Amino acid sequence: MCMICPTMYLGLDMGDDQRTRQHAGYKPKTTAALQDIEDEEKEMMFEVHSEKLANAFSLMATEPGADIRIIKNLRVCLDCHTATKFISKVTYRLIVVRDAKRFHHFKDGGFACGDC
């Protein structure tokens, strides 16, 4: 784990972030999880996906209104896709996520090319 990661986890209150997204209408998409566990555990697993952590870190490290660009080597899961739409809506930011297959452009709670 890199040196900045513990700082990010300490500075990141996942409960606040989750409450903000739920207030905006976000509901976790737990159907994507294939494990046979309770929905609450699935939600906890989804909270630490790399793109959500990257979004949180970007929000903490950049000026309000700045664009966010995230690059990852795996596909974006349905829950992270939905969460990123809501993050773009409540923060009024352009968020561009590059995954293994395409660029995802989120702005004002929408996805540029329609939902995946």
PDB file of N, CA and C in Angstrom:
ATOM      1  N   MET A   1       0.848  -1.185   0.000  1.00  0.00           N
ATOM      2  CA  MET A   1       0.000   0.000   0.000  1.00  0.00           C
ATOM      3  C   MET A   1       0.883   1.234   0.000  1.00  0.00           C
ATOM      4  N   CYS A   2       0.541   2.217  -0.814  1.00  0.00           N
ATOM      5  CA  CYS A   2       1.342   3.437  -0.893  1.00  0.00           C
ATOM      6  C   CYS A   2       1.172   4.275   0.371  1.00  0.00           C
ATOM      7  N   MET A   3       2.067   5.241   0.542  1.00  0.00           N
ATOM      8  CA  MET A   3       2.054   6.057   1.756  1.00  0.00           C
ATOM      9  C   MET A   3       0.834   6.965   1.841  1.00  0.00           C
ATOM     10  N   ILE A   4       0.274   7.368   0.723  1.00  0.00           N
ATOM     11  CA  ILE A   4      -0.858   8.283   0.765  1.00  0.00           C
ATOM     12  C   ILE A   4      -2.171   7.549   1.084  1.00  0.00           C
ATOM     13  N   CYS A   5      -2.210   6.243   0.827  1.00  0.00           N
ATOM     14  CA  CYS A   5      -3.454   5.484   1.021  1.00  0.00           C
ATOM     15  C   CYS A   5      -3.980   5.528   2.454  1.00  0.00           C
ATOM     16  N   PRO A   6      -3.136   5.298   3.492  1.00  0.00           N
ATOM     17  CA  PRO A   6      -3.683   5.385   4.851  1.00  0.00           C
ATOM     18  C   PRO A   6      -4.245   6.766   5.159  1.00  0.00           C
ATOM     19  N   THR A   7      -3.585   7.811   4.664  1.00  0.00           N
ATOM     20  CA  THR A   7      -4.073   9.164   4.870  1.00  0.00           C
ATOM     21  C   THR A   7      -5.422   9.351   4.211  1.00  0.00           C
ATOM     22  N   MET A   8      -5.572   8.813   3.016  1.00  0.00           N
ATOM     23  CA  MET A   8      -6.828   8.954   2.297  1.00  0.00           C
ATOM     24  C   MET A   8      -7.953   8.239   3.050  1.00  0.00           C
ATOM     25  N   TYR A   9      -7.677   7.023   3.520  1.00  0.00           N
ATOM     26  CA  TYR A   9      -8.706   6.292   4.251  1.00  0.00           C
ATOM     27  C   TYR A   9      -9.082   7.004   5.543  1.00  0.00           C
ATOM     28  N   LEU A  10      -8.098   7.610   6.226  1.00  0.00           N
ATOM     29  CA  LEU A  10      -8.400   8.338   7.457  1.00  0.00           C
ATOM     30  C   LEU A  10      -9.212   9.586   7.176  1.00  0.00           C
ATOM     31  N   GLY A  11      -8.883  10.293   6.099  1.00  0.00           N
ATOM     32  CA  GLY A  11      -9.575  11.535   5.772  1.00  0.00           C
ATOM     33  C   GLY A  11     -10.904  11.320   5.089  1.00  0.00           C
ATOM     34  N   LEU A  12     -11.174  10.112   4.678  1.00  0.00           N
ATOM     35  CA  LEU A  12     -12.372   9.811   3.913  1.00  0.00           C
ATOM     36  C   LEU A  12     -13.414   9.189   4.830  1.00  0.00           C
ATOM     37  N   ASP A  13     -14.506   9.889   5.053  1.00  0.00           N
ATOM     38  CA  ASP A  13     -15.602   9.351   5.844  1.00  0.00           C
ATOM     39  C   ASP A  13     -16.601   8.732   4.877  1.00  0.00           C
ATOM     40  N   MET A  14     -16.518   7.420   4.690  1.00  0.00           N
ATOM     41  CA  MET A  14     -17.378   6.752   3.721  1.00  0.00           C
ATOM     42  C   MET A  14     -18.850   6.919   4.087  1.00  0.00           C
ATOM     43  N   GLY A  15     -19.155   7.036   5.360  1.00  0.00           N
ATOM     44  CA  GLY A  15     -20.539   7.220   5.783  1.00  0.00           C
ATOM     45  C   GLY A  15     -21.108   8.528   5.258  1.00  0.00           C
ATOM     46  N   ASP A  16     -20.342   9.618   5.361  1.00  0.00           N
ATOM     47  CA  ASP A  16     -20.777  10.912   4.841  1.00  0.00           C
ATOM     48  C   ASP A  16     -20.991  10.849   3.339  1.00  0.00           C
ATOM     49  N   ASP A  17     -20.027  10.253   2.642  1.00  0.00           N
ATOM     50  CA  ASP A  17     -20.113  10.138   1.190  1.00  0.00           C
ATOM     51  C   ASP A  17     -21.338   9.323   0.791  1.00  0.00           C
ATOM     52  N   GLN A  18     -21.566   8.240   1.479  1.00  0.00           N
ATOM     53  CA  GLN A  18     -22.722   7.379   1.170  1.00  0.00           C
ATOM     54  C   GLN A  18     -24.030   8.118   1.453  1.00  0.00           C
ATOM     55  N   ARG A  19     -24.108   8.846   2.557  1.00  0.00           N
ATOM     56  CA  ARG A  19     -25.325   9.596   2.873  1.00  0.00           C
ATOM     57  C   ARG A  19     -25.597  10.672   1.827  1.00  0.00           C
ATOM     58  N   THR A  20     -24.544  11.339   1.362  1.00  0.00           N
ATOM     59  CA  THR A  20     -24.708  12.374   0.338  1.00  0.00           C
ATOM     60  C   THR A  20     -25.265  11.769  -0.940  1.00  0.00           C
ATOM     61  N   ARG A  21     -24.703  10.643  -1.368  1.00  0.00           N
ATOM     62  CA  ARG A  21     -25.179   9.995  -2.597  1.00  0.00           C
ATOM     63  C   ARG A  21     -26.618   9.509  -2.427  1.00  0.00           C
ATOM     64  N   GLN A  22     -26.943   8.946  -1.266  1.00  0.00           N
ATOM     65  CA  GLN A  22     -28.311   8.462  -1.058  1.00  0.00           C
ATOM     66  C   GLN A  22     -29.297   9.618  -1.030  1.00  0.00           C
ATOM     67  N   HIS A  23     -28.884  10.752  -0.479  1.00  0.00           N
ATOM     68  CA  HIS A  23     -29.740  11.938  -0.461  1.00  0.00           C
ATOM     69  C   HIS A  23     -30.038  12.399  -1.889  1.00  0.00           C
ATOM     70  N   ALA A  24     -29.077  12.213  -2.794  1.00  0.00           N
ATOM     71  CA  ALA A  24     -29.253  12.607  -4.196  1.00  0.00           C
ATOM     72  C   ALA A  24     -30.053  11.564  -4.983  1.00  0.00           C
ATOM     73  N   GLY A  25     -30.392  10.433  -4.356  1.00  0.00           N
ATOM     74  CA  GLY A  25     -31.188   9.412  -5.031  1.00  0.00           C
ATOM     75  C   GLY A  25     -30.435   8.146  -5.376  1.00  0.00           C
ATOM     76  N   TYR A  26     -29.168   8.038  -4.973  1.00  0.00           N
ATOM     77  CA  TYR A  26     -28.356   6.863  -5.275  1.00  0.00           C
ATOM     78  C   TYR A  26     -28.777   5.686  -4.414  1.00  0.00           C
ATOM     79  N   LYS A  27     -28.916   4.530  -5.029  1.00  0.00           N
ATOM     80  CA  LYS A  27     -29.156   3.286  -4.307  1.00  0.00           C
ATOM     81  C   LYS A  27     -28.179   2.258  -4.858  1.00  0.00           C
ATOM     82  N   PRO A  28     -27.371   1.610  -3.990  1.00  0.00           N
ATOM     83  CA  PRO A  28     -26.368   0.661  -4.478  1.00  0.00           C
ATOM     84  C   PRO A  28     -26.981  -0.455  -5.327  1.00  0.00           C
ATOM     85  N   LYS A  29     -26.290  -0.819  -6.392  1.00  0.00           N
ATOM     86  CA  LYS A  29     -26.719  -1.895  -7.289  1.00  0.00           C
ATOM     87  C   LYS A  29     -26.003  -3.178  -6.873  1.00  0.00           C
ATOM     88  N   THR A  30     -26.552  -3.872  -5.881  1.00  0.00           N
ATOM     89  CA  THR A  30     -25.888  -5.057  -5.339  1.00  0.00           C
ATOM     90  C   THR A  30     -26.105  -6.300  -6.185  1.00  0.00           C
ATOM     91  N   THR A  31     -26.893  -6.218  -7.235  1.00  0.00           N
ATOM     92  CA  THR A  31     -27.135  -7.394  -8.075  1.00  0.00           C
ATOM     93  C   THR A  31     -25.876  -7.829  -8.813  1.00  0.00           C
ATOM     94  N   ALA A  32     -24.909  -6.936  -8.958  1.00  0.00           N
ATOM     95  CA  ALA A  32     -23.676  -7.273  -9.659  1.00  0.00           C
ATOM     96  C   ALA A  32     -22.758  -8.177  -8.837  1.00  0.00           C
ATOM     97  N   ALA A  33     -22.932  -8.200  -7.515  1.00  0.00           N
ATOM     98  CA  ALA A  33     -22.087  -9.032  -6.658  1.00  0.00           C
ATOM     99  C   ALA A  33     -22.552 -10.479  -6.743  1.00  0.00           C
ATOM    100  N   LEU A  34     -21.626 -11.366  -7.025  1.00  0.00           N
ATOM    101  CA  LEU A  34     -21.984 -12.765  -7.212  1.00  0.00           C
ATOM    102  C   LEU A  34     -21.878 -13.592  -5.934  1.00  0.00           C
ATOM    103  N   GLN A  35     -21.289 -13.042  -4.894  1.00  0.00           N
ATOM    104  CA  GLN A  35     -21.149 -13.771  -3.646  1.00  0.00           C
ATOM    105  C   GLN A  35     -22.507 -13.922  -2.961  1.00  0.00           C
ATOM    106  N   ASP A  36     -22.665 -15.010  -2.237  1.00  0.00           N
ATOM    107  CA  ASP A  36     -23.896 -15.273  -1.504  1.00  0.00           C
ATOM    108  C   ASP A  36     -23.772 -14.693  -0.095  1.00  0.00           C
ATOM    109  N   ILE A  37     -23.890 -13.364  -0.002  1.00  0.00           N
ATOM    110  CA  ILE A  37     -23.789 -12.669   1.282  1.00  0.00           C
ATOM    111  C   ILE A  37     -24.914 -11.656   1.375  1.00  0.00           C
ATOM    112  N   GLU A  38     -25.098 -11.112   2.559  1.00  0.00           N
ATOM    113  CA  GLU A  38     -26.167 -10.139   2.797  1.00  0.00           C
ATOM    114  C   GLU A  38     -25.922  -8.859   1.992  1.00  0.00           C
ATOM    115  N   ASP A  39     -27.009  -8.154   1.686  1.00  0.00           N
ATOM    116  CA  ASP A  39     -26.904  -6.915   0.911  1.00  0.00           C
ATOM    117  C   ASP A  39     -26.033  -5.870   1.604  1.00  0.00           C
ATOM    118  N   GLU A  40     -26.096  -5.793   2.937  1.00  0.00           N
ATOM    119  CA  GLU A  40     -25.271  -4.812   3.656  1.00  0.00           C
ATOM    120  C   GLU A  40     -23.791  -5.089   3.447  1.00  0.00           C
ATOM    121  N   GLU A  41     -23.406  -6.374   3.438  1.00  0.00           N
ATOM    122  CA  GLU A  41     -22.008  -6.725   3.201  1.00  0.00           C
ATOM    123  C   GLU A  41     -21.603  -6.400   1.766  1.00  0.00           C
ATOM    124  N   LYS A  42     -22.514  -6.637   0.820  1.00  0.00           N
ATOM    125  CA  LYS A  42     -22.234  -6.299  -0.574  1.00  0.00           C
ATOM    126  C   LYS A  42     -22.012  -4.797  -0.716  1.00  0.00           C
ATOM    127  N   GLU A  43     -22.853  -4.003  -0.048  1.00  0.00           N
ATOM    128  CA  GLU A  43     -22.701  -2.545  -0.109  1.00  0.00           C
ATOM    129  C   GLU A  43     -21.353  -2.124   0.446  1.00  0.00           C
ATOM    130  N   MET A  44     -20.916  -2.759   1.539  1.00  0.00           N
ATOM    131  CA  MET A  44     -19.614  -2.432   2.128  1.00  0.00           C
ATOM    132  C   MET A  44     -18.485  -2.791   1.163  1.00  0.00           C
ATOM    133  N   MET A  45     -18.623  -3.919   0.453  1.00  0.00           N
ATOM    134  CA  MET A  45     -17.604  -4.319  -0.522  1.00  0.00           C
ATOM    135  C   MET A  45     -17.520  -3.305  -1.656  1.00  0.00           C
ATOM    136  N   PHE A  46     -18.663  -2.820  -2.121  1.00  0.00           N
ATOM    137  CA  PHE A  46     -18.682  -1.866  -3.220  1.00  0.00           C
ATOM    138  C   PHE A  46     -18.116  -0.513  -2.813  1.00  0.00           C
ATOM    139  N   GLU A  47     -18.186  -0.152  -1.542  1.00  0.00           N
ATOM    140  CA  GLU A  47     -17.724   1.164  -1.091  1.00  0.00           C
ATOM    141  C   GLU A  47     -16.234   1.369  -1.295  1.00  0.00           C
ATOM    142  N   VAL A  48     -15.459   0.303  -1.399  1.00  0.00           N
ATOM    143  CA  VAL A  48     -14.010   0.453  -1.518  1.00  0.00           C
ATOM    144  C   VAL A  48     -13.506   0.109  -2.924  1.00  0.00           C
ATOM    145  N   HIS A  49     -14.381   0.122  -3.920  1.00  0.00           N
ATOM    146  CA  HIS A  49     -13.924  -0.069  -5.297  1.00  0.00           C
ATOM    147  C   HIS A  49     -13.026   1.090  -5.693  1.00  0.00           C
ATOM    148  N   SER A  50     -12.069   0.809  -6.549  1.00  0.00           N
ATOM    149  CA  SER A  50     -11.014   1.779  -6.865  1.00  0.00           C
ATOM    150  C   SER A  50     -11.542   3.098  -7.416  1.00  0.00           C
ATOM    151  N   GLU A  51     -12.572   3.063  -8.263  1.00  0.00           N
ATOM    152  CA  GLU A  51     -13.044   4.322  -8.835  1.00  0.00           C
ATOM    153  C   GLU A  51     -13.750   5.193  -7.800  1.00  0.00           C
ATOM    154  N   LYS A  52     -14.406   4.580  -6.817  1.00  0.00           N
ATOM    155  CA  LYS A  52     -15.018   5.377  -5.753  1.00  0.00           C
ATOM    156  C   LYS A  52     -13.936   6.019  -4.886  1.00  0.00           C
ATOM    157  N   LEU A  53     -12.891   5.259  -4.586  1.00  0.00           N
ATOM    158  CA  LEU A  53     -11.788   5.823  -3.812  1.00  0.00           C
ATOM    159  C   LEU A  53     -11.076   6.917  -4.604  1.00  0.00           C
ATOM    160  N   ALA A  54     -10.904   6.701  -5.905  1.00  0.00           N
ATOM    161  CA  ALA A  54     -10.267   7.715  -6.749  1.00  0.00           C
ATOM    162  C   ALA A  54     -11.115   8.980  -6.812  1.00  0.00           C
ATOM    163  N   ASN A  55     -12.432   8.817  -6.909  1.00  0.00           N
ATOM    164  CA  ASN A  55     -13.330   9.981  -6.890  1.00  0.00           C
ATOM    165  C   ASN A  55     -13.196  10.732  -5.574  1.00  0.00           C
ATOM    166  N   ALA A  56     -13.213  10.000  -4.460  1.00  0.00           N
ATOM    167  CA  ALA A  56     -13.122  10.634  -3.144  1.00  0.00           C
ATOM    168  C   ALA A  56     -11.793  11.380  -2.991  1.00  0.00           C
ATOM    169  N   PHE A  57     -10.702  10.737  -3.401  1.00  0.00           N
ATOM    170  CA  PHE A  57      -9.405  11.379  -3.299  1.00  0.00           C
ATOM    171  C   PHE A  57      -9.349  12.628  -4.181  1.00  0.00           C
ATOM    172  N   SER A  58      -9.890  12.529  -5.385  1.00  0.00           N
ATOM    173  CA  SER A  58      -9.893  13.676  -6.301  1.00  0.00           C
ATOM    174  C   SER A  58     -10.693  14.834  -5.733  1.00  0.00           C
ATOM    175  N   LEU A  59     -11.811  14.537  -5.097  1.00  0.00           N
ATOM    176  CA  LEU A  59     -12.624  15.590  -4.490  1.00  0.00           C
ATOM    177  C   LEU A  59     -11.877  16.276  -3.355  1.00  0.00           C
ATOM    178  N   MET A  60     -11.079  15.495  -2.612  1.00  0.00           N
ATOM    179  CA  MET A  60     -10.317  16.063  -1.503  1.00  0.00           C
ATOM    180  C   MET A  60      -9.100  16.840  -1.993  1.00  0.00           C
ATOM    181  N   ALA A  61      -8.511  16.422  -3.120  1.00  0.00           N
ATOM    182  CA  ALA A  61      -7.218  16.962  -3.539  1.00  0.00           C
ATOM    183  C   ALA A  61      -7.310  18.080  -4.582  1.00  0.00           C
ATOM    184  N   THR A  62      -8.488  18.325  -5.147  1.00  0.00           N
ATOM    185  CA  THR A  62      -8.598  19.334  -6.201  1.00  0.00           C
ATOM    186  C   THR A  62      -9.524  20.465  -5.775  1.00  0.00           C
ATOM    187  N   GLU A  63      -9.444  21.541  -6.517  1.00  0.00           N
ATOM    188  CA  GLU A  63     -10.297  22.695  -6.262  1.00  0.00           C
ATOM    189  C   GLU A  63     -11.737  22.382  -6.672  1.00  0.00           C
ATOM    190  N   PRO A  64     -12.725  22.962  -6.005  1.00  0.00           N
ATOM    191  CA  PRO A  64     -14.117  22.764  -6.423  1.00  0.00           C
ATOM    192  C   PRO A  64     -14.317  23.170  -7.876  1.00  0.00           C
ATOM    193  N   GLY A  65     -15.032  22.361  -8.613  1.00  0.00           N
ATOM    194  CA  GLY A  65     -15.320  22.642 -10.009  1.00  0.00           C
ATOM    195  C   GLY A  65     -14.306  22.083 -10.993  1.00  0.00           C
ATOM    196  N   ALA A  66     -13.157  21.612 -10.504  1.00  0.00           N
ATOM    197  CA  ALA A  66     -12.140  21.056 -11.397  1.00  0.00           C
ATOM    198  C   ALA A  66     -12.611  19.717 -11.965  1.00  0.00           C
ATOM    199  N   ASP A  67     -12.249  19.448 -13.213  1.00  0.00           N
ATOM    200  CA  ASP A  67     -12.586  18.163 -13.818  1.00  0.00           C
ATOM    201  C   ASP A  67     -11.810  17.050 -13.125  1.00  0.00           C
ATOM    202  N   ILE A  68     -12.413  15.853 -13.112  1.00  0.00           N
ATOM    203  CA  ILE A  68     -11.773  14.678 -12.521  1.00  0.00           C
ATOM    204  C   ILE A  68     -11.557  13.666 -13.634  1.00  0.00           C
ATOM    205  N   ARG A  69     -10.350  13.135 -13.721  1.00  0.00           N
ATOM    206  CA  ARG A  69     -10.027  12.105 -14.716  1.00  0.00           C
ATOM    207  C   ARG A  69      -9.453  10.897 -13.989  1.00  0.00           C
ATOM    208  N   ILE A  70     -10.040   9.736 -14.230  1.00  0.00           N
ATOM    209  CA  ILE A  70      -9.648   8.497 -13.564  1.00  0.00           C
ATOM    210  C   ILE A  70      -9.331   7.461 -14.641  1.00  0.00           C
ATOM    211  N   ILE A  71      -8.226   6.763 -14.473  1.00  0.00           N
ATOM    212  CA  ILE A  71      -7.848   5.694 -15.398  1.00  0.00           C
ATOM    213  C   ILE A  71      -7.727   4.411 -14.592  1.00  0.00           C
ATOM    214  N   LYS A  72      -8.369   3.348 -15.085  1.00  0.00           N
ATOM    215  CA  LYS A  72      -8.260   2.045 -14.421  1.00  0.00           C
ATOM    216  C   LYS A  72      -8.107   0.968 -15.471  1.00  0.00           C
ATOM    217  N   ASN A  73      -7.581  -0.175 -15.076  1.00  0.00           N
ATOM    218  CA  ASN A  73      -7.296  -1.230 -16.041  1.00  0.00           C
ATOM    219  C   ASN A  73      -8.383  -2.304 -16.103  1.00  0.00           C
ATOM    220  N   LEU A  74      -9.438  -2.160 -15.346  1.00  0.00           N
ATOM    221  CA  LEU A  74     -10.557  -3.100 -15.366  1.00  0.00           C
ATOM    222  C   LEU A  74     -11.821  -2.374 -15.800  1.00  0.00           C
ATOM    223  N   ARG A  75     -12.864  -3.111 -16.098  1.00  0.00           N
ATOM    224  CA  ARG A  75     -14.145  -2.501 -16.455  1.00  0.00           C
ATOM    225  C   ARG A  75     -14.790  -1.868 -15.229  1.00  0.00           C
ATOM    226  N   VAL A  76     -15.595  -0.862 -15.445  1.00  0.00           N
ATOM    227  CA  VAL A  76     -16.331  -0.189 -14.372  1.00  0.00           C
ATOM    228  C   VAL A  76     -17.578  -1.018 -14.070  1.00  0.00           C
ATOM    229  N   CYS A  77     -17.789  -1.349 -12.805  1.00  0.00           N
ATOM    230  CA  CYS A  77     -18.977  -2.132 -12.449  1.00  0.00           C
ATOM    231  C   CYS A  77     -20.220  -1.229 -12.481  1.00  0.00           C
ATOM    232  N   LEU A  78     -21.386  -1.839 -12.549  1.00  0.00           N
ATOM    233  CA  LEU A  78     -22.647  -1.103 -12.643  1.00  0.00           C
ATOM    234  C   LEU A  78     -22.846  -0.172 -11.453  1.00  0.00           C
ATOM    235  N   ASP A  79     -22.490  -0.632 -10.258  1.00  0.00           N
ATOM    236  CA  ASP A  79     -22.679   0.199  -9.069  1.00  0.00           C
ATOM    237  C   ASP A  79     -21.766   1.428  -9.100  1.00  0.00           C
ATOM    238  N   CYS A  80     -20.514   1.246  -9.499  1.00  0.00           N
ATOM    239  CA  CYS A  80     -19.588   2.382  -9.573  1.00  0.00           C
ATOM    240  C   CYS A  80     -20.010   3.352 -10.666  1.00  0.00           C
ATOM    241  N   HIS A  81     -20.555   2.830 -11.744  1.00  0.00           N
ATOM    242  CA  HIS A  81     -21.059   3.673 -12.829  1.00  0.00           C
ATOM    243  C   HIS A  81     -22.189   4.561 -12.296  1.00  0.00           C
ATOM    244  N   THR A  82     -23.123   3.958 -11.590  1.00  0.00           N
ATOM    245  CA  THR A  82     -24.248   4.700 -11.019  1.00  0.00           C
ATOM    246  C   THR A  82     -23.770   5.706  -9.979  1.00  0.00           C
ATOM    247  N   ALA A  83     -22.858   5.283  -9.106  1.00  0.00           N
ATOM    248  CA  ALA A  83     -22.345   6.178  -8.063  1.00  0.00           C
ATOM    249  C   ALA A  83     -21.627   7.377  -8.680  1.00  0.00           C
ATOM    250  N   THR A  84     -20.864   7.149  -9.738  1.00  0.00           N
ATOM    251  CA  THR A  84     -20.136   8.248 -10.384  1.00  0.00           C
ATOM    252  C   THR A  84     -21.103   9.245 -11.005  1.00  0.00           C
ATOM    253  N   LYS A  85     -22.228   8.759 -11.544  1.00  0.00           N
ATOM    254  CA  LYS A  85     -23.246   9.685 -12.069  1.00  0.00           C
ATOM    255  C   LYS A  85     -23.735  10.607 -10.962  1.00  0.00           C
ATOM    256  N   PHE A  86     -24.013  10.039  -9.782  1.00  0.00           N
ATOM    257  CA  PHE A  86     -24.521  10.851  -8.679  1.00  0.00           C
ATOM    258  C   PHE A  86     -23.443  11.778  -8.121  1.00  0.00           C
ATOM    259  N   ILE A  87     -22.201  11.320  -8.104  1.00  0.00           N
ATOM    260  CA  ILE A  87     -21.113  12.184  -7.636  1.00  0.00           C
ATOM    261  C   ILE A  87     -20.975  13.394  -8.560  1.00  0.00           C
ATOM    262  N   SER A  88     -21.082  13.159  -9.868  1.00  0.00           N
ATOM    263  CA  SER A  88     -20.998  14.291 -10.810  1.00  0.00           C
ATOM    264  C   SER A  88     -22.168  15.247 -10.624  1.00  0.00           C
ATOM    265  N   LYS A  89     -23.314  14.700 -10.247  1.00  0.00           N
ATOM    266  CA  LYS A  89     -24.508  15.531 -10.043  1.00  0.00           C
ATOM    267  C   LYS A  89     -24.373  16.423  -8.812  1.00  0.00           C
ATOM    268  N   VAL A  90     -23.959  15.845  -7.683  1.00  0.00           N
ATOM    269  CA  VAL A  90     -23.911  16.629  -6.442  1.00  0.00           C
ATOM    270  C   VAL A  90     -22.693  17.536  -6.357  1.00  0.00           C
ATOM    271  N   THR A  91     -21.635  17.240  -7.125  1.00  0.00           N
ATOM    272  CA  THR A  91     -20.437  18.083  -7.066  1.00  0.00           C
ATOM    273  C   THR A  91     -20.325  19.038  -8.247  1.00  0.00           C
ATOM    274  N   TYR A  92     -21.232  18.922  -9.213  1.00  0.00           N
ATOM    275  CA  TYR A  92     -21.217  19.787 -10.403  1.00  0.00           C
ATOM    276  C   TYR A  92     -19.875  19.723 -11.123  1.00  0.00           C
ATOM    277  N   ARG A  93     -19.377  18.511 -11.324  1.00  0.00           N
ATOM    278  CA  ARG A  93     -18.094  18.329 -11.987  1.00  0.00           C
ATOM    279  C   ARG A  93     -18.218  17.385 -13.174  1.00  0.00           C
ATOM    280  N   LEU A  94     -17.301  17.565 -14.122  1.00  0.00           N
ATOM    281  CA  LEU A  94     -17.130  16.606 -15.202  1.00  0.00           C
ATOM    282  C   LEU A  94     -16.196  15.525 -14.680  1.00  0.00           C
ATOM    283  N   ILE A  95     -16.617  14.277 -14.782  1.00  0.00           N
ATOM    284  CA  ILE A  95     -15.780  13.149 -14.365  1.00  0.00           C
ATOM    285  C   ILE A  95     -15.607  12.243 -15.578  1.00  0.00           C
ATOM    286  N   VAL A  96     -14.360  11.994 -15.937  1.00  0.00           N
ATOM    287  CA  VAL A  96     -14.052  11.107 -17.059  1.00  0.00           C
ATOM    288  C   VAL A  96     -13.336   9.890 -16.490  1.00  0.00           C
ATOM    289  N   VAL A  97     -13.900   8.709 -16.733  1.00  0.00           N
ATOM    290  CA  VAL A  97     -13.300   7.461 -16.269  1.00  0.00           C
ATOM    291  C   VAL A  97     -12.908   6.643 -17.497  1.00  0.00           C
ATOM    292  N   ARG A  98     -11.644   6.276 -17.584  1.00  0.00           N
ATOM    293  CA  ARG A  98     -11.155   5.426 -18.672  1.00  0.00           C
ATOM    294  C   ARG A  98     -10.999   4.027 -18.113  1.00  0.00           C
ATOM    295  N   ASP A  99     -11.774   3.075 -18.625  1.00  0.00           N
ATOM    296  CA  ASP A  99     -11.602   1.692 -18.192  1.00  0.00           C
ATOM    297  C   ASP A  99     -10.962   0.889 -19.317  1.00  0.00           C
ATOM    298  N   ALA A 100     -10.996  -0.427 -19.212  1.00  0.00           N
ATOM    299  CA  ALA A 100     -10.320  -1.289 -20.184  1.00  0.00           C
ATOM    300  C   ALA A 100     -10.927  -1.211 -21.578  1.00  0.00           C
ATOM    301  N   LYS A 101     -12.159  -0.753 -21.709  1.00  0.00           N
ATOM    302  CA  LYS A 101     -12.849  -0.771 -22.998  1.00  0.00           C
ATOM    303  C   LYS A 101     -13.176   0.610 -23.568  1.00  0.00           C
ATOM    304  N   ARG A 102     -13.443   1.598 -22.713  1.00  0.00           N
ATOM    305  CA  ARG A 102     -13.927   2.886 -23.227  1.00  0.00           C
ATOM    306  C   ARG A 102     -13.711   4.020 -22.238  1.00  0.00           C
ATOM    307  N   PHE A 103     -14.047   5.214 -22.695  1.00  0.00           N
ATOM    308  CA  PHE A 103     -14.082   6.395 -21.836  1.00  0.00           C
ATOM    309  C   PHE A 103     -15.524   6.601 -21.403  1.00  0.00           C
ATOM    310  N   HIS A 104     -15.738   6.858 -20.122  1.00  0.00           N
ATOM    311  CA  HIS A 104     -17.064   7.168 -19.584  1.00  0.00           C
ATOM    312  C   HIS A 104     -17.043   8.638 -19.182  1.00  0.00           C
ATOM    313  N   HIS A 105     -17.941   9.444 -19.750  1.00  0.00           N
ATOM    314  CA  HIS A 105     -18.023  10.874 -19.446  1.00  0.00           C
ATOM    315  C   HIS A 105     -19.283  11.131 -18.628  1.00  0.00           C
ATOM    316  N   PHE A 106     -19.108  11.630 -17.409  1.00  0.00           N
ATOM    317  CA  PHE A 106     -20.225  11.922 -16.517  1.00  0.00           C
ATOM    318  C   PHE A 106     -20.290  13.424 -16.285  1.00  0.00           C
ATOM    319  N   LYS A 107     -21.472  13.996 -16.441  1.00  0.00           N
ATOM    320  CA  LYS A 107     -21.642  15.424 -16.178  1.00  0.00           C
ATOM    321  C   LYS A 107     -23.084  15.667 -15.754  1.00  0.00           C
ATOM    322  N   ASP A 108     -23.265  16.439 -14.689  1.00  0.00           N
ATOM    323  CA  ASP A 108     -24.598  16.801 -14.196  1.00  0.00           C
ATOM    324  C   ASP A 108     -25.479  15.580 -13.950  1.00  0.00           C
ATOM    325  N   GLY A 109     -24.896  14.495 -13.477  1.00  0.00           N
ATOM    326  CA  GLY A 109     -25.662  13.305 -13.150  1.00  0.00           C
ATOM    327  C   GLY A 109     -26.024  12.439 -14.344  1.00  0.00           C
ATOM    328  N   GLY A 110     -25.459  12.738 -15.490  1.00  0.00           N
ATOM    329  CA  GLY A 110     -25.741  11.954 -16.686  1.00  0.00           C
ATOM    330  C   GLY A 110     -24.504  11.327 -17.250  1.00  0.00           C
ATOM    331  N   PHE A 111     -24.715  10.395 -18.156  1.00  0.00           N
ATOM    332  CA  PHE A 111     -23.620   9.719 -18.853  1.00  0.00           C
ATOM    333  C   PHE A 111     -23.711  10.126 -20.299  1.00  0.00           C
ATOM    334  N   ALA A 112     -22.619  10.560 -20.891  1.00  0.00           N
ATOM    335  CA  ALA A 112     -22.623  11.161 -22.226  1.00  0.00           C
ATOM    336  C   ALA A 112     -23.245  10.283 -23.307  1.00  0.00           C
ATOM    337  N   CYS A 113     -23.008   8.989 -23.261  1.00  0.00           N
ATOM    338  CA  CYS A 113     -23.486   8.113 -24.344  1.00  0.00           C
ATOM    339  C   CYS A 113     -24.679   7.263 -23.924  1.00  0.00           C
ATOM    340  N   GLY A 114     -25.379   7.632 -22.869  1.00  0.00           N
ATOM    341  CA  GLY A 114     -26.456   6.790 -22.335  1.00  0.00           C
ATOM    342  C   GLY A 114     -25.839   5.749 -21.417  1.00  0.00           C
ATOM    343  N   ASP A 115     -26.649   5.103 -20.630  1.00  0.00           N
ATOM    344  CA  ASP A 115     -26.119   4.117 -19.677  1.00  0.00           C
ATOM    345  C   ASP A 115     -25.548   2.907 -20.376  1.00  0.00           C
ATOM    346  N   CYS A 116     -24.454   2.391 -19.795  1.00  0.00           N
ATOM    347  CA  CYS A 116     -23.830   1.169 -20.332  1.00  0.00           C
ATOM    348  C   CYS A 116     -24.746  -0.023 -20.127  1.00  0.00           C
TER     349      CYS A 116
END
